[in-house]
Protein backbone atom coordinates (compact mmCIF):
# COMPACT_ATOMS: atom_id res chain seq x y z
CA MET A 1 84.08 97.64 103.97
CA PRO A 2 83.83 101.12 105.52
CA ASP A 3 84.73 104.12 103.37
CA TYR A 4 87.99 105.62 104.61
CA ASN A 5 88.52 108.34 101.98
CA GLU A 6 88.05 111.11 104.55
CA LEU A 7 91.12 109.80 106.39
CA ILE A 8 93.46 110.33 103.45
CA LYS A 9 91.93 113.10 101.37
CA ASN A 10 94.57 115.69 102.41
CA GLU A 11 97.56 113.38 102.02
CA PRO A 12 100.06 113.62 99.13
CA GLN A 13 99.25 111.11 96.40
CA ILE A 14 102.22 108.81 97.00
CA ARG A 15 101.42 108.57 100.73
CA ARG A 16 97.74 108.13 99.93
CA ASN A 17 98.58 105.14 97.74
CA ALA A 18 100.66 103.52 100.49
CA ILE A 19 97.97 104.09 103.13
CA SER A 20 95.36 102.63 100.79
CA ASP A 21 97.43 99.47 100.47
CA LEU A 22 97.83 99.25 104.25
CA TYR A 23 94.10 99.75 104.72
CA ARG A 24 93.25 97.01 102.21
CA TYR A 25 95.61 94.56 103.89
CA MET A 26 94.34 95.38 107.38
CA THR A 27 90.75 94.76 106.28
CA ASP A 28 91.40 91.49 104.48
CA ASN A 29 90.22 88.42 106.36
CA GLY A 30 93.05 86.17 105.16
CA ARG A 31 95.56 84.62 107.55
CA PHE A 32 98.66 86.53 106.60
CA CYS A 33 101.20 88.99 108.01
CA ILE A 34 101.89 92.60 107.02
CA LEU A 35 105.38 94.14 106.92
CA LEU A 36 105.21 97.94 107.18
CA LEU A 37 108.40 99.79 106.21
CA GLY A 38 109.40 103.44 106.41
CA ASN A 39 112.13 105.67 107.76
CA HIS A 40 112.00 107.34 111.16
CA GLY A 41 109.02 109.61 111.65
CA VAL A 42 107.01 108.76 108.51
CA GLY A 43 103.96 107.73 110.54
CA LYS A 44 104.02 103.93 110.73
CA SER A 45 102.47 103.71 114.21
CA PHE A 46 100.22 106.69 113.52
CA TRP A 47 98.53 105.10 110.51
CA ILE A 48 98.18 101.69 112.10
CA LYS A 49 96.32 103.29 115.02
CA LYS A 50 94.33 105.62 112.76
CA ILE A 51 93.02 102.73 110.67
CA LYS A 52 92.41 100.54 113.72
CA TYR A 53 90.28 103.15 115.47
CA PHE A 54 88.47 104.06 112.27
CA ILE A 55 87.45 100.41 111.79
CA ALA A 56 86.33 100.22 115.43
CA ASP A 57 84.27 103.40 115.06
CA GLN A 58 82.47 101.80 112.13
CA GLY A 59 81.39 98.88 114.32
CA LYS A 60 83.68 96.46 112.45
CA ALA A 61 86.29 95.81 115.17
CA LYS A 62 85.40 92.15 115.67
CA GLU A 63 85.08 91.41 111.96
CA PHE A 64 88.54 92.77 111.13
CA TYR A 65 90.35 91.74 114.37
CA MET A 66 90.54 95.24 115.82
CA THR A 67 88.98 94.67 119.26
CA LYS A 68 92.30 95.62 120.90
CA LEU A 69 95.74 96.90 119.96
CA ILE A 70 98.90 95.41 121.45
CA ASN A 71 102.34 96.83 120.59
CA ILE A 72 105.56 94.89 121.17
CA ASN A 73 108.91 96.69 121.04
CA CYS A 74 111.33 94.06 119.75
CA CYS A 75 114.29 96.07 121.09
CA VAL A 76 113.52 94.83 124.60
CA CYS A 77 112.46 91.27 123.82
CA ALA A 78 115.76 89.43 123.51
CA ASN A 79 115.93 85.66 124.14
CA LYS A 80 112.41 85.20 125.44
CA ASP A 81 111.01 81.68 125.71
CA GLU A 82 108.02 80.02 124.12
CA ASN A 83 105.68 80.86 127.01
CA PHE A 84 106.46 84.58 126.77
CA TRP A 85 105.58 84.77 123.09
CA ASN A 86 102.60 82.44 123.32
CA ASP A 87 101.15 84.55 126.15
CA ILE A 88 101.41 87.67 123.98
CA PHE A 89 99.37 86.02 121.24
CA LEU A 90 96.81 84.79 123.75
CA LYS A 91 96.38 88.36 125.03
CA ALA A 92 96.01 89.60 121.44
CA ASP A 93 93.24 87.14 120.56
CA GLY A 94 90.63 88.99 118.48
CA GLY A 95 92.82 92.04 118.12
CA LEU A 96 95.72 93.65 116.30
CA LEU A 97 99.27 92.65 117.30
CA VAL A 98 102.06 94.99 116.17
CA PHE A 99 105.77 94.15 116.41
CA ASP A 100 107.88 97.32 116.17
CA HIS A 101 111.57 97.32 115.10
CA ILE A 102 111.41 93.73 113.91
CA GLU A 103 115.06 93.90 112.79
CA GLU A 104 116.06 93.93 116.49
CA LEU A 105 114.50 90.55 117.20
CA ASP A 106 116.98 87.81 118.13
CA LYS A 107 117.10 84.58 116.11
CA LYS A 108 115.74 82.42 118.95
CA SER A 109 112.59 84.53 119.15
CA GLN A 110 112.27 84.52 115.36
CA TYR A 111 112.13 80.72 115.27
CA ILE A 112 109.58 80.63 118.09
CA LEU A 113 107.41 83.21 116.34
CA PHE A 114 107.71 81.31 113.07
CA GLU A 115 106.23 78.29 114.81
CA ILE A 116 103.43 80.37 116.38
CA LEU A 117 102.60 82.05 113.06
CA SER A 118 102.54 78.76 111.12
CA THR A 119 98.82 78.10 110.89
CA LYS A 120 99.15 74.58 109.46
CA GLY A 121 95.89 74.85 107.58
CA GLU A 122 93.75 75.75 110.60
CA GLY A 123 93.96 79.53 110.24
CA LEU A 124 94.83 79.92 113.93
CA TYR A 125 98.01 80.93 115.78
CA GLY A 126 99.73 79.39 118.79
CA TYR A 127 102.91 77.59 119.88
CA ASN A 128 101.39 74.26 120.81
CA GLU A 129 97.63 74.54 120.51
CA LYS A 130 96.45 76.73 117.65
CA THR A 131 93.68 78.77 119.26
CA VAL A 132 94.40 82.44 118.55
CA GLU A 133 92.75 84.63 115.92
CA CYS A 134 94.48 87.98 115.48
CA ARG A 135 96.02 90.25 112.86
CA THR A 136 99.79 90.76 112.86
CA ILE A 137 101.84 93.71 111.60
CA PHE A 138 105.63 93.98 111.72
CA THR A 139 107.38 97.34 111.29
CA SER A 140 110.93 98.33 110.41
CA SER A 141 112.85 101.44 109.40
CA LEU A 142 115.29 99.34 107.32
CA LYS A 143 115.05 98.91 103.57
CA ILE A 144 113.55 95.71 102.24
CA GLU A 145 116.95 94.62 100.92
CA SER A 146 118.45 94.87 104.41
CA LEU A 147 115.74 92.60 105.79
CA ARG A 148 115.53 90.14 102.92
CA ASP A 149 118.97 89.64 101.38
CA LEU A 150 122.02 87.70 102.52
CA GLY A 151 123.33 88.98 105.84
CA SER A 152 119.92 90.16 107.00
CA PRO A 153 119.17 90.20 110.76
CA LEU A 154 116.09 88.11 109.92
CA ALA A 155 116.16 84.38 109.25
CA PRO A 156 114.99 83.68 105.66
CA ASN A 157 112.02 81.52 106.66
CA PHE A 158 110.92 84.07 109.27
CA PHE A 159 111.17 86.94 106.78
CA GLY A 160 109.12 84.93 104.29
CA ARG A 161 106.41 84.36 106.87
CA ILE A 162 106.04 87.97 108.04
CA SER A 163 106.17 89.59 104.60
CA ASN A 164 103.05 88.24 102.90
CA PHE A 165 102.07 91.85 102.22
CA VAL A 166 104.61 94.69 102.24
CA VAL A 167 103.89 98.42 102.42
CA LYS A 168 106.41 101.26 102.48
CA LEU A 169 105.37 104.68 103.75
CA PRO A 170 107.25 107.40 101.84
CA ASP A 171 109.63 110.04 103.18
CA PHE A 172 108.80 113.74 102.88
CA ASP A 173 111.23 114.00 99.99
CA GLU A 174 109.23 111.39 98.06
CA CYS A 175 105.91 113.14 98.66
CA GLY A 176 106.61 116.21 96.54
CA ASN A 177 104.82 119.33 97.80
CA GLY A 178 102.98 117.67 100.66
CA ILE A 179 105.20 119.04 103.41
CA GLU A 180 103.18 122.27 103.79
CA GLN A 181 100.01 120.34 104.64
CA ASP A 182 102.04 118.03 106.88
CA PHE A 183 103.30 121.04 108.81
CA LYS A 184 99.76 122.38 109.22
CA ASN A 185 98.61 119.00 110.56
CA THR A 186 101.55 118.90 112.96
CA TRP A 187 100.88 122.45 114.15
CA ASN A 188 97.20 121.71 114.75
CA LYS A 189 98.11 118.53 116.63
CA MET A 190 100.03 120.59 119.20
CA ARG A 191 96.91 122.62 120.15
CA TYR A 192 98.78 125.80 121.01
CA SER A 193 96.68 128.37 122.87
CA GLU A 194 95.94 131.95 121.86
CA PRO A 195 97.59 134.32 121.26
CA PHE A 196 100.52 132.08 120.35
CA ASN A 197 98.68 129.70 118.02
CA GLN A 198 99.21 131.58 114.74
CA MET A 199 101.04 129.44 112.21
CA PRO A 200 104.24 130.71 110.53
CA GLY A 201 103.73 132.72 107.38
CA GLU A 202 104.68 132.42 103.72
CA THR A 203 108.45 132.89 104.19
CA PHE A 204 108.67 129.91 106.52
CA MET A 205 106.47 127.74 104.30
CA LYS A 206 108.61 128.56 101.29
CA TRP A 207 111.70 127.52 103.25
CA LEU A 208 109.99 124.23 104.15
CA LYS A 209 109.21 123.39 100.53
CA GLU A 210 112.66 124.36 99.29
CA ASN A 211 114.37 122.20 101.91
CA VAL A 212 112.13 119.15 101.96
CA HIS A 213 115.11 116.92 101.14
CA LYS A 214 116.69 117.84 104.51
CA PHE A 215 113.87 116.53 106.70
CA HIS A 216 115.21 113.02 107.26
CA GLY A 217 113.31 112.80 110.55
CA ASN A 218 110.04 113.48 108.71
CA PHE A 219 107.26 114.26 111.24
CA ARG A 220 109.77 114.24 114.10
CA ASP A 221 111.51 117.19 112.45
CA LEU A 222 108.20 119.01 112.07
CA ASP A 223 107.43 118.44 115.76
CA ASN A 224 110.69 120.19 116.66
CA LEU A 225 110.03 123.06 114.25
CA THR A 226 106.57 123.78 115.64
CA MET A 227 107.78 123.67 119.23
CA ASN A 228 110.70 126.01 118.55
CA TRP A 229 108.51 128.47 116.63
CA HIS A 230 105.93 128.50 119.39
CA ASN A 231 108.60 128.98 122.07
CA CYS A 232 110.10 131.96 120.25
CA LYS A 233 106.71 133.65 119.92
CA VAL A 234 105.93 133.06 123.60
CA ASN A 235 109.21 134.82 124.40
CA GLY A 236 108.31 137.87 122.33
CA TYR A 237 110.37 137.32 119.17
CA SER A 238 109.20 138.98 115.95
CA ASP A 239 108.36 136.75 112.97
CA GLU A 240 111.68 137.62 111.36
CA GLU A 241 113.65 136.86 114.53
CA THR A 242 111.69 133.65 115.05
CA PHE A 243 112.33 132.43 111.52
CA LYS A 244 116.05 133.03 111.89
CA LYS A 245 116.20 131.37 115.31
CA VAL A 246 114.14 128.35 114.27
CA LYS A 247 116.31 127.71 111.20
CA GLU A 248 119.52 128.03 113.19
CA THR A 249 118.27 125.73 115.95
CA PHE A 250 117.01 123.13 113.48
CA GLU A 251 120.22 123.03 111.46
CA LYS A 252 122.49 123.01 114.50
CA PHE A 253 120.62 120.77 116.94
CA ASN A 254 117.20 119.38 116.05
CA HIS A 255 117.19 117.90 112.58
CA TYR A 256 117.35 114.13 112.29
CA PRO A 257 120.60 113.22 110.46
CA GLU A 258 120.72 111.49 107.12
CA HIS A 259 121.91 107.91 107.38
CA ASN A 260 125.67 108.33 107.58
CA THR A 261 128.18 105.80 106.33
CA ASP A 262 131.83 106.44 107.06
CA PHE A 263 133.51 103.85 104.87
CA GLU A 264 137.04 105.16 105.49
CA ASN A 265 136.81 104.09 109.13
CA PHE A 266 135.24 100.68 108.57
CA THR A 267 137.24 97.55 107.80
CA ILE A 268 136.14 94.00 107.19
CA ASN A 269 138.36 90.96 106.87
CA SER A 270 138.02 87.21 106.52
CA ASP A 271 138.87 86.63 110.19
CA MET A 272 135.65 88.31 111.30
CA ASP A 273 132.69 86.21 112.42
CA TYR A 274 130.03 85.95 109.71
CA TYR A 275 132.41 87.48 107.14
CA ASN A 276 130.77 85.59 104.27
CA GLU A 277 127.34 86.81 105.34
CA ILE A 278 128.34 90.43 105.98
CA LEU A 279 130.36 91.12 102.83
CA PRO A 280 127.64 90.69 100.13
CA ASN A 281 125.17 92.78 102.09
CA LEU A 282 127.78 95.49 102.71
CA LYS A 283 128.64 95.60 99.00
CA ALA A 284 124.97 95.91 98.07
CA PHE A 285 124.53 98.76 100.53
CA VAL A 286 127.62 100.61 99.29
CA LYS A 287 126.43 100.28 95.69
CA GLU A 288 122.94 101.55 96.58
CA TYR A 289 124.40 104.49 98.50
CA ALA A 290 126.71 105.35 95.59
CA LYS A 291 123.74 105.43 93.22
CA ARG A 292 121.94 107.84 95.53
CA LEU A 293 124.92 110.18 95.27
CA TYR A 294 125.93 109.80 91.63
CA GLY A 295 122.88 108.34 89.85
CA ASN A 296 122.44 104.93 88.27
CA ASN A 297 125.46 105.45 86.01
CA LEU A 298 128.32 105.08 88.50
CA LYS A 299 130.76 106.23 85.86
CA ASN A 300 129.62 109.75 86.81
CA ALA A 301 131.46 109.48 90.14
CA PRO A 302 134.75 111.43 90.40
CA ASN A 303 137.37 109.64 88.26
CA GLY A 304 134.78 106.92 87.66
CA LYS A 305 135.53 105.52 91.13
CA PRO A 306 132.71 105.88 93.68
CA PHE A 307 134.35 105.69 97.14
CA GLY A 308 137.61 104.77 95.41
CA VAL A 309 136.20 101.62 93.78
CA PRO A 310 136.24 101.35 89.94
CA TYR A 311 132.67 101.79 88.72
CA ARG A 312 132.80 98.56 86.65
CA THR A 313 133.72 96.62 89.79
CA MET A 314 130.91 98.19 91.77
CA ASP A 315 128.43 97.48 88.95
CA ARG A 316 129.12 93.77 89.51
CA TRP A 317 128.36 93.95 93.24
């Protein structure tokens, strides 16, 4: 197997570990599916492509099913028939087939794909005739609990089939001090021309590291920061003026918002369709969100009632 250490040598350790797992799974010859998780902008598509092209450059494309790369956006694939999905697999024969936003896939398509992905001992894919050899990766920005547990948008048997191997790429906040190197990589990616290609200085980098928990858009936030900094310099702003303007613009307009849950304006009752499926999943999400705010001991919430619910009650959810 080709040595890929050069690809990840500058990555924070926690991201390096996740990428290593993804690389191992993508270079395993078994007939399985990979589920790649991660919030918006963490680099899911980037690392799939990076590994794919690295394998191809090493002359191993055919061996590891990397002769082509086909991406399917599940957001625009509602209620397609068997021929549509079977044709996609036929086109992907010998290559890498990636399904993005798998949580958006309708149930009809899930059952068709389950049939196509069921190899039945032959190690080949297909709806009727099993003739296709390819590697499949499914991506989602949802948490594993939201895909797996009761009330999930995915049918249980379909989830079980696509999640043979699971990898989660970490957020900036989970990567510790890696955001400075991430910003440098993002800046270099933009290929700004002289004399406006000088990276921001120490003051800006310090602000980045101190506010890493605010970058919920991950690399998408860094894209916006680099573009705004460059634009200010092109327009003759000093470093001090640029820093102030970039911060203000980011905080007011550009930053990707944290997942927001307004529980006061959401009601659920037994008359709703799928009430019995929705309620357990909603409770689990509320409990997880409360722990993010108040820690594992929910008694620490104001008056011992996170979101107005007694902590002992929420512990049982």
